[in-house]
C-alpha atoms as a PDB file:
ATOM      1  CA  MET A   1      -3.253 -81.882 -72.977  1.00  0.00           C
ATOM      2  CA  SER A   2      -4.133 -85.175 -74.513  1.00  0.00           C
ATOM      3  CA  SER A   3      -7.739 -86.447 -74.106  1.00  0.00           C
ATOM      4  CA  PRO A   4      -6.879 -89.261 -71.512  1.00  0.00           C
ATOM      5  CA  PHE A   5      -5.331 -86.833 -69.324  1.00  0.00           C
ATOM      6  CA  ARG A   6      -8.043 -84.187 -69.565  1.00  0.00           C
ATOM      7  CA  TYR A   7     -10.467 -86.965 -68.769  1.00  0.00           C
ATOM      8  CA  LEU A   8      -8.457 -88.006 -65.652  1.00  0.00           C
ATOM      9  CA  ALA A   9      -8.149 -84.391 -64.667  1.00  0.00           C
ATOM     10  CA  SER A  10     -11.816 -83.840 -64.840  1.00  0.00           C
ATOM     11  CA  LEU A  11     -12.646 -86.897 -62.592  1.00  0.00           C
ATOM     12  CA  LEU A  12      -9.965 -85.842 -60.148  1.00  0.00           C
ATOM     13  CA  MET A  13     -11.684 -82.305 -59.945  1.00  0.00           C
ATOM     14  CA  LEU A  14     -15.142 -83.898 -59.628  1.00  0.00           C
ATOM     15  CA  LEU A  15     -13.836 -86.099 -56.791  1.00  0.00           C
ATOM     16  CA  VAL A  16     -12.257 -83.287 -54.988  1.00  0.00           C
ATOM     17  CA  LEU A  17     -15.648 -81.109 -55.259  1.00  0.00           C
ATOM     18  CA  PHE A  18     -17.595 -84.116 -53.926  1.00  0.00           C
ATOM     19  CA  THR A  19     -15.253 -84.867 -51.152  1.00  0.00           C
ATOM     20  CA  SER A  20     -15.132 -81.265 -49.973  1.00  0.00           C
ATOM     21  CA  ALA A  21     -18.913 -80.946 -50.296  1.00  0.00           C
ATOM     22  CA  CYS A  22     -19.725 -84.027 -48.283  1.00  0.00           C
ATOM     23  CA  GLY A  23     -16.993 -83.258 -45.653  1.00  0.00           C
ATOM     24  CA  SER A  24     -18.376 -80.070 -44.368  1.00  0.00           C
ATOM     25  CA  LYS A  25     -20.746 -80.224 -41.498  1.00  0.00           C
ATOM     26  CA  GLU A  26     -21.330 -76.534 -41.178  1.00  0.00           C
ATOM     27  CA  GLY A  27     -24.728 -75.363 -42.579  1.00  0.00           C
ATOM     28  CA  LYS A  28     -26.126 -79.097 -42.607  1.00  0.00           C
ATOM     29  CA  VAL A  29     -29.347 -79.764 -40.507  1.00  0.00           C
ATOM     30  CA  GLU A  30     -30.133 -83.276 -40.058  1.00  0.00           C
ATOM     31  CA  GLY A  31     -33.019 -84.870 -38.372  1.00  0.00           C
ATOM     32  CA  VAL A  32     -34.366 -83.797 -35.050  1.00  0.00           C
ATOM     33  CA  ASN A  33     -32.915 -87.105 -33.493  1.00  0.00           C
ATOM     34  CA  MET A  34     -29.463 -85.630 -34.013  1.00  0.00           C
ATOM     35  CA  LEU A  35     -30.572 -83.232 -31.306  1.00  0.00           C
ATOM     36  CA  TYR A  36     -31.315 -85.818 -28.516  1.00  0.00           C
ATOM     37  CA  GLY A  37     -29.640 -89.057 -29.620  1.00  0.00           C
ATOM     38  CA  LYS A  38     -31.583 -92.217 -28.398  1.00  0.00           C
ATOM     39  CA  GLU A  39     -33.014 -90.680 -25.352  1.00  0.00           C
ATOM     40  CA  SER A  40     -30.898 -87.692 -24.501  1.00  0.00           C
ATOM     41  CA  LYS A  41     -27.786 -85.786 -25.568  1.00  0.00           C
ATOM     42  CA  VAL A  42     -25.714 -83.221 -23.540  1.00  0.00           C
ATOM     43  CA  TRP A  43     -24.341 -80.181 -25.416  1.00  0.00           C
ATOM     44  CA  LYS A  44     -21.415 -77.901 -24.255  1.00  0.00           C
ATOM     45  CA  THR A  45     -20.335 -74.501 -25.768  1.00  0.00           C
ATOM     46  CA  ASP A  46     -17.609 -74.695 -28.329  1.00  0.00           C
ATOM     47  CA  LYS A  47     -17.607 -71.067 -29.505  1.00  0.00           C
ATOM     48  CA  GLU A  48     -19.895 -68.111 -29.310  1.00  0.00           C
ATOM     49  CA  LEU A  49     -19.911 -65.318 -31.978  1.00  0.00           C
ATOM     50  CA  ASP A  50     -21.463 -61.864 -31.699  1.00  0.00           C
ATOM     51  CA  ALA A  51     -23.782 -60.491 -34.424  1.00  0.00           C
ATOM     52  CA  THR A  52     -20.717 -59.078 -36.233  1.00  0.00           C
ATOM     53  CA  GLY A  53     -19.145 -62.584 -36.297  1.00  0.00           C
ATOM     54  CA  ASP A  54     -16.456 -61.874 -33.699  1.00  0.00           C
ATOM     55  CA  LYS A  55     -15.634 -64.478 -31.276  1.00  0.00           C
ATOM     56  CA  VAL A  56     -17.145 -63.898 -27.707  1.00  0.00           C
ATOM     57  CA  LYS A  57     -14.724 -64.682 -24.738  1.00  0.00           C
ATOM     58  CA  GLN A  58     -16.414 -67.287 -22.547  1.00  0.00           C
ATOM     59  CA  THR A  59     -16.264 -67.054 -18.816  1.00  0.00           C
ATOM     60  CA  ASP A  60     -15.371 -70.006 -16.710  1.00  0.00           C
ATOM     61  CA  ALA A  61     -19.122 -70.238 -15.809  1.00  0.00           C
ATOM     62  CA  GLN A  62     -20.132 -70.114 -19.328  1.00  0.00           C
ATOM     63  CA  GLU A  63     -17.809 -72.873 -20.172  1.00  0.00           C
ATOM     64  CA  ASP A  64     -19.444 -75.029 -17.462  1.00  0.00           C
ATOM     65  CA  GLU A  65     -22.832 -74.603 -18.970  1.00  0.00           C
ATOM     66  CA  ARG A  66     -24.484 -77.550 -20.413  1.00  0.00           C
ATOM     67  CA  ILE A  67     -27.945 -78.247 -22.171  1.00  0.00           C
ATOM     68  CA  THR A  68     -29.624 -81.481 -22.516  1.00  0.00           C
ATOM     69  CA  PHE A  69     -32.364 -82.255 -25.183  1.00  0.00           C
ATOM     70  CA  PHE A  70     -34.479 -85.115 -24.349  1.00  0.00           C
ATOM     71  CA  ALA A  71     -36.521 -87.402 -26.952  1.00  0.00           C
ATOM     72  CA  ASN A  72     -39.738 -86.373 -25.001  1.00  0.00           C
ATOM     73  CA  GLY A  73     -39.494 -82.539 -25.964  1.00  0.00           C
ATOM     74  CA  GLN A  74     -37.979 -81.482 -22.658  1.00  0.00           C
ATOM     75  CA  TYR A  75     -34.844 -79.798 -22.185  1.00  0.00           C
ATOM     76  CA  ASN A  76     -32.524 -78.828 -19.279  1.00  0.00           C
ATOM     77  CA  MET A  77     -29.938 -76.117 -19.078  1.00  0.00           C
ATOM     78  CA  ALA A  78     -27.520 -76.370 -16.278  1.00  0.00           C
ATOM     79  CA  SER A  79     -24.890 -73.792 -15.043  1.00  0.00           C
ATOM     80  CA  PRO A  80     -23.122 -73.002 -11.820  1.00  0.00           C
ATOM     81  CA  GLN A  81     -25.870 -70.477 -11.210  1.00  0.00           C
ATOM     82  CA  GLY A  82     -28.651 -72.916 -11.456  1.00  0.00           C
ATOM     83  CA  THR A  83     -30.887 -75.067 -13.625  1.00  0.00           C
ATOM     84  CA  VAL A  84     -33.612 -74.031 -16.121  1.00  0.00           C
ATOM     85  CA  ASN A  85     -35.990 -76.877 -17.454  1.00  0.00           C
ATOM     86  CA  GLY A  86     -38.513 -76.398 -20.177  1.00  0.00           C
ATOM     87  CA  LYS A  87     -39.898 -77.679 -23.356  1.00  0.00           C
ATOM     88  CA  TYR A  88     -38.759 -77.229 -26.829  1.00  0.00           C
ATOM     89  CA  THR A  89     -40.181 -77.757 -30.483  1.00  0.00           C
ATOM     90  CA  PHE A  90     -37.963 -78.382 -33.497  1.00  0.00           C
ATOM     91  CA  ASP A  91     -39.223 -77.420 -36.960  1.00  0.00           C
ATOM     92  CA  GLN A  92     -36.892 -79.181 -39.391  1.00  0.00           C
ATOM     93  CA  ALA A  93     -38.483 -77.717 -42.537  1.00  0.00           C
ATOM     94  CA  GLY A  94     -38.076 -74.081 -41.053  1.00  0.00           C
ATOM     95  CA  LYS A  95     -34.795 -75.088 -39.391  1.00  0.00           C
ATOM     96  CA  THR A  96     -35.778 -73.438 -36.118  1.00  0.00           C
ATOM     97  CA  ILE A  97     -35.932 -74.432 -32.568  1.00  0.00           C
ATOM     98  CA  ALA A  98     -38.352 -72.762 -29.964  1.00  0.00           C
ATOM     99  CA  MET A  99     -37.410 -73.208 -26.267  1.00  0.00           C
ATOM    100  CA  THR A 100     -39.925 -72.260 -23.567  1.00  0.00           C
ATOM    101  CA  PRO A 101     -38.848 -72.424 -19.790  1.00  0.00           C
ATOM    102  CA  ASP A 102     -41.147 -74.091 -17.449  1.00  0.00           C
ATOM    103  CA  GLY A 103     -43.591 -71.490 -15.977  1.00  0.00           C
ATOM    104  CA  SER A 104     -43.066 -69.004 -18.725  1.00  0.00           C
ATOM    105  CA  SER A 105     -45.512 -68.213 -21.608  1.00  0.00           C
ATOM    106  CA  THR A 106     -42.725 -66.715 -23.671  1.00  0.00           C
ATOM    107  CA  SER A 107     -40.349 -68.716 -25.890  1.00  0.00           C
ATOM    108  CA  ASN A 108     -36.865 -68.116 -27.358  1.00  0.00           C
ATOM    109  CA  SER A 109     -36.548 -69.068 -31.001  1.00  0.00           C
ATOM    110  CA  PHE A 110     -33.454 -69.717 -32.869  1.00  0.00           C
ATOM    111  CA  SER A 111     -32.529 -70.476 -36.241  1.00  0.00           C
ATOM    112  CA  VAL A 112     -30.618 -73.942 -36.552  1.00  0.00           C
ATOM    113  CA  VAL A 113     -27.740 -73.461 -38.790  1.00  0.00           C
ATOM    114  CA  THR A 114     -26.041 -76.604 -38.280  1.00  0.00           C
ATOM    115  CA  LEU A 115     -27.252 -79.935 -36.584  1.00  0.00           C
ATOM    116  CA  THR A 116     -25.240 -83.178 -36.833  1.00  0.00           C
ATOM    117  CA  ASP A 117     -24.510 -85.862 -34.630  1.00  0.00           C
ATOM    118  CA  ASP A 118     -21.709 -83.674 -32.923  1.00  0.00           C
ATOM    119  CA  LYS A 119     -22.415 -80.178 -33.742  1.00  0.00           C
ATOM    120  CA  LEU A 120     -25.298 -77.778 -33.006  1.00  0.00           C
ATOM    121  CA  THR A 121     -25.260 -74.160 -34.107  1.00  0.00           C
ATOM    122  CA  LEU A 122     -27.921 -71.831 -32.854  1.00  0.00           C
ATOM    123  CA  LYS A 123     -28.461 -68.312 -34.325  1.00  0.00           C
ATOM    124  CA  SER A 124     -30.485 -65.517 -32.511  1.00  0.00           C
ATOM    125  CA  ALA A 125     -32.796 -63.097 -34.224  1.00  0.00           C
ATOM    126  CA  ALA A 126     -30.120 -60.457 -33.579  1.00  0.00           C
ATOM    127  CA  GLY A 127     -27.463 -62.587 -35.480  1.00  0.00           C
ATOM    128  CA  ALA A 128     -25.354 -63.916 -32.624  1.00  0.00           C
ATOM    129  CA  GLU A 129     -24.361 -67.427 -32.842  1.00  0.00           C
ATOM    130  CA  LEU A 130     -23.905 -70.157 -30.322  1.00  0.00           C
ATOM    131  CA  ARG A 131     -21.767 -73.221 -31.526  1.00  0.00           C
ATOM    132  CA  LEU A 132     -22.257 -76.280 -29.449  1.00  0.00           C
ATOM    133  CA  GLU A 133     -20.696 -79.564 -29.442  1.00  0.00           C
ATOM    134  CA  LYS A 134     -21.757 -82.954 -28.070  1.00  0.00           C
ATOM    135  CA  GLU A 135     -20.247 -83.589 -24.810  1.00  0.00           C
END
């Protein structure tokens, strides 16, 4: 292969690698404001995976569940069975979120696998994943 063609091929390969690296949102954890937008943001379930990575079938009730994160550190989980309010803390450096329901002294902690403007993936200590998307 002649030198100009090798150079062009190398540039094209770099472009492909750069584009694919930038295009993937999975595994990217952006700033906490992606969690709540300007004031609040509503998230709905996109997919749930068990600890082995298998997809979990969602019930109609689970598909109707919503979680809203507010800029003031509050959250609201709404489902057909009722509503749970509480406080959350987000540790961007540690990529974790702790959610404490009102009236409880125990928080639920999750690893934040992905956090972008429209995708949120939470992973439990047991390895199950909840993939949410902006409503």
